[in-house]
Amino acid sequence: MTTQTYSPAPWAYEYSPYQGRNGEIPAFEIFDAESNKIFDTNEDTDAELQEANARLGSTAPRLLAALIVCADLLADYDEAEGEEGDAYREAVAAIMEATGRAA
């Protein structure tokens, strides 16, 4: 299985607050390996949730790569009933969604 190209990994996040009239407004930014900003969090969201989302988003390339390996290991279960087959099909669906390919 292959994936579409995305910004170079690893990705990282950092705290990058805004200065508002009433003080600091929490926000996080996610960057690729070349320090290009990929996206940022919604500053209208609670700071702890923003950081959790930033952590998850910054691990996306690593998670996708690991999921591809797992799907490859489970490929023999593509038509199987049970946990392995379900896990394989769910992994493939997630990979397709992440890479913009139709399932």
Protein backbone atom coordinates (compact mmCIF):
# COMPACT_ATOMS: atom_id res chain seq x y z
CA MET A 1 0.00 0.00 0.00
CA THR A 2 1.24 3.48 -0.78
CA THR A 3 0.13 6.91 0.33
CA GLN A 4 -0.10 10.31 -1.24
CA THR A 5 2.62 12.76 -0.45
CA TYR A 6 2.17 15.03 2.54
CA SER A 7 4.42 17.54 4.24
CA PRO A 8 7.73 16.05 5.39
CA ALA A 9 7.72 14.24 8.70
CA PRO A 10 8.29 14.30 11.57
CA TRP A 11 5.69 16.85 12.53
CA ALA A 12 5.78 18.74 15.82
CA TYR A 13 3.60 21.19 17.67
CA GLU A 14 4.30 24.20 19.81
CA TYR A 15 2.38 26.54 22.03
CA SER A 16 1.76 29.78 20.16
CA PRO A 17 -0.70 31.98 22.05
CA TYR A 18 -2.34 35.12 20.73
CA GLN A 19 -2.39 38.35 22.71
CA GLY A 20 -5.94 39.51 23.21
CA ARG A 21 -7.37 42.54 24.94
CA ASN A 22 -7.79 40.52 28.12
CA GLY A 23 -4.48 38.70 28.01
CA GLU A 24 -3.13 35.55 26.43
CA ILE A 25 -5.37 33.37 24.25
CA PRO A 26 -4.09 29.77 24.10
CA ALA A 27 -3.31 28.32 20.67
CA PHE A 28 -1.05 25.65 19.19
CA GLU A 29 0.59 25.35 15.78
CA ILE A 30 1.65 22.16 14.01
CA PHE A 31 4.80 22.23 11.85
CA ASP A 32 6.43 19.81 9.42
CA ALA A 33 10.09 18.77 9.43
CA GLU A 34 11.00 21.89 7.43
CA SER A 35 9.30 24.18 9.97
CA ASN A 36 6.39 24.95 7.64
CA LYS A 37 3.13 25.51 9.49
CA ILE A 38 0.69 22.72 8.63
CA PHE A 39 -2.28 23.89 10.69
CA ASP A 40 -3.23 25.40 14.00
CA THR A 41 -5.80 24.74 16.67
CA ASN A 42 -9.04 26.60 17.31
CA GLU A 43 -8.28 29.24 19.90
CA ASP A 44 -11.97 29.24 20.91
CA THR A 45 -11.46 25.72 22.31
CA ASP A 46 -10.25 24.86 25.81
CA ALA A 47 -6.42 24.91 25.99
CA GLU A 48 -6.17 21.28 27.17
CA LEU A 49 -8.31 20.07 24.27
CA GLN A 50 -6.28 22.19 21.85
CA GLU A 51 -3.07 20.59 23.07
CA ALA A 52 -4.57 17.09 22.84
CA ASN A 53 -5.63 17.84 19.25
CA ALA A 54 -2.18 19.26 18.46
CA ARG A 55 -0.49 16.13 19.84
CA LEU A 56 -2.74 13.90 17.77
CA GLY A 57 -2.33 15.99 14.63
CA SER A 58 1.43 16.18 14.96
CA THR A 59 1.66 12.37 15.08
CA ALA A 60 -0.47 11.88 11.94
CA PRO A 61 2.40 10.86 9.59
CA ARG A 62 3.74 8.36 12.15
CA LEU A 63 0.28 6.95 12.82
CA LEU A 64 -0.41 6.58 9.10
CA ALA A 65 2.90 4.79 8.51
CA ALA A 66 2.25 2.42 11.42
CA LEU A 67 -1.29 1.74 10.23
CA ILE A 68 -0.02 0.86 6.75
CA VAL A 69 2.39 -1.68 8.27
CA CYS A 70 -0.41 -3.14 10.41
CA ALA A 71 -2.73 -3.40 7.40
CA ASP A 72 0.00 -5.11 5.40
CA LEU A 73 0.47 -7.64 8.22
CA LEU A 74 -3.28 -8.31 8.32
CA ALA A 75 -3.76 -8.46 4.54
CA ASP A 76 -4.37 -12.23 4.59
CA TYR A 77 -7.52 -11.51 6.63
CA ASP A 78 -9.10 -9.25 4.01
CA GLU A 79 -12.16 -11.48 3.66
CA ALA A 80 -12.06 -13.10 7.10
CA GLU A 81 -14.77 -12.81 9.72
CA GLY A 82 -13.81 -11.78 13.24
CA GLU A 83 -11.41 -9.33 14.83
CA GLU A 84 -8.56 -9.66 12.34
CA GLY A 85 -10.78 -9.15 9.31
CA ASP A 86 -12.57 -6.25 10.96
CA ALA A 87 -9.25 -4.67 11.96
CA TYR A 88 -7.87 -5.06 8.43
CA ARG A 89 -10.93 -3.50 6.79
CA GLU A 90 -11.02 -0.63 9.28
CA ALA A 91 -7.31 0.04 8.74
CA VAL A 92 -7.73 0.09 4.96
CA ALA A 93 -10.72 2.43 5.24
CA ALA A 94 -8.76 4.82 7.47
CA ILE A 95 -5.76 4.72 5.12
CA MET A 96 -8.00 5.47 2.15
CA GLU A 97 -9.58 8.39 3.98
CA ALA A 98 -6.20 9.77 5.09
CA THR A 99 -4.74 9.55 1.60
CA GLY A 100 -7.79 10.84 -0.26
CA ARG A 101 -8.47 7.63 -2.16
CA ALA A 102 -11.88 6.07 -2.58
CA ALA A 103 -12.50 2.96 -0.51
